[in-house]
Protein backbone atom coordinates (compact mmCIF):
# COMPACT_ATOMS: atom_id res chain seq x y z
CA MET A 1 85.99 74.54 95.88
CA GLY A 2 82.85 72.48 96.13
CA VAL A 3 81.00 70.07 93.90
CA ASN A 4 78.66 72.85 92.72
CA ALA A 5 81.48 75.33 92.09
CA HIS A 6 80.45 75.85 88.46
CA ARG A 7 76.93 76.91 89.53
CA ASN A 8 78.01 79.72 91.86
CA ASN A 9 75.90 82.82 92.22
CA TYR A 10 78.61 85.40 92.92
CA GLY A 11 76.06 88.19 93.52
CA ASN A 12 74.59 86.27 96.44
CA PHE A 13 78.06 85.49 97.75
CA LEU A 14 79.01 89.18 97.58
CA ILE A 15 75.87 90.23 99.47
CA ILE A 16 76.45 87.58 102.16
CA THR A 17 80.11 88.62 102.50
CA LEU A 18 79.13 92.28 102.86
CA LEU A 19 76.53 91.38 105.50
CA HIS A 20 79.08 89.31 107.42
CA ASN A 21 81.69 92.08 107.23
CA TYR A 22 79.13 94.63 108.46
CA SER A 23 78.15 92.38 111.36
CA ILE A 24 81.77 91.76 112.37
CA THR A 25 82.59 95.48 112.18
CA ARG A 26 79.53 96.34 114.25
CA THR A 27 80.49 93.72 116.85
CA LEU A 28 84.05 95.04 117.07
CA MET A 29 82.78 98.61 117.42
CA ASN A 30 80.43 97.47 120.20
CA ILE A 31 83.33 95.81 122.03
CA PHE A 32 85.42 98.98 121.65
CA ARG A 33 82.52 101.09 122.96
CA LEU A 34 82.01 98.65 125.85
CA SER A 35 85.70 98.79 126.79
CA LEU A 36 85.61 102.60 126.74
CA THR A 37 82.52 102.59 128.97
CA MET A 38 84.18 100.16 131.38
CA LYS A 39 87.31 102.31 131.42
CA ASN A 40 85.26 105.38 132.31
CA HIS A 41 83.30 103.60 135.04
CA MET A 42 86.26 101.78 136.59
CA THR A 43 89.55 103.60 136.25
CA ASP A 44 91.34 100.75 138.00
CA ARG A 45 91.57 98.11 135.26
CA TRP A 46 92.80 95.42 137.63
CA LEU A 47 89.61 95.87 139.65
CA LEU A 48 87.61 95.27 136.46
CA TYR A 49 89.53 92.07 135.63
CA GLN A 50 89.26 90.87 139.22
CA SER A 51 85.50 91.47 139.31
CA ILE A 52 85.04 89.67 135.97
CA TRP A 53 87.06 86.58 136.90
CA ASN A 54 85.62 86.39 140.43
CA ASN A 55 82.19 86.64 138.80
CA GLN A 56 81.16 89.37 141.25
CA ASN A 57 80.16 91.64 138.39
CA CYS A 58 78.00 89.08 136.58
CA THR A 59 76.64 91.51 133.97
CA ALA A 60 80.09 92.48 132.65
CA TYR A 61 81.16 88.83 132.61
CA TYR A 62 78.13 87.70 130.63
CA ILE A 63 78.30 90.68 128.24
CA ILE A 64 81.95 89.91 127.42
CA MET A 65 81.26 86.17 127.12
CA GLY A 66 78.33 86.99 124.82
CA TYR A 67 80.57 89.06 122.55
CA ILE A 68 83.19 86.29 122.48
CA LEU A 69 80.49 83.76 121.51
CA LYS A 70 79.16 86.15 118.84
CA ILE A 71 82.64 86.54 117.31
CA PHE A 72 83.08 82.75 117.39
CA ASN A 73 79.71 82.44 115.63
CA TYR A 74 80.77 84.84 112.86
CA VAL A 75 84.10 83.03 112.44
CA LEU A 76 82.19 79.75 112.12
CA LEU A 77 79.85 81.30 109.54
CA TYR A 78 82.83 82.61 107.59
CA LEU A 79 84.49 79.20 107.60
CA LEU A 80 81.24 77.64 106.36
CA THR A 81 80.71 80.18 103.56
CA LYS A 82 84.38 80.23 102.51
CA ASP A 83 83.60 77.20 100.38
CA TYR A 84 80.82 78.35 98.07
CA GLU A 85 78.52 75.35 98.59
CA LEU A 86 76.51 77.02 101.37
CA VAL A 87 75.87 80.02 99.10
CA TYR A 88 74.51 77.63 96.49
CA LEU A 89 72.24 76.07 99.14
CA ILE A 90 70.94 79.46 100.31
CA LYS A 91 69.67 80.71 96.95
């Protein structure tokens, strides 16, 4: 816990947690939808991987990298808000 653990606003924390969970779920659903779209467009999965790593298909590469960065961002936010001090700072 933090220094200001006794002054927690649990309502705020709950709202922030719900928002984070919604964002993570939405991101995961977007990745799932993206993978389905890719699967429909390119039936040969090896061709997809090859085009991503050779950077020939730049859009797919940057979309996937963007999602990875977004997930990393949410993980970082979760690690920051796990200790309740940031919630106390927000209110």
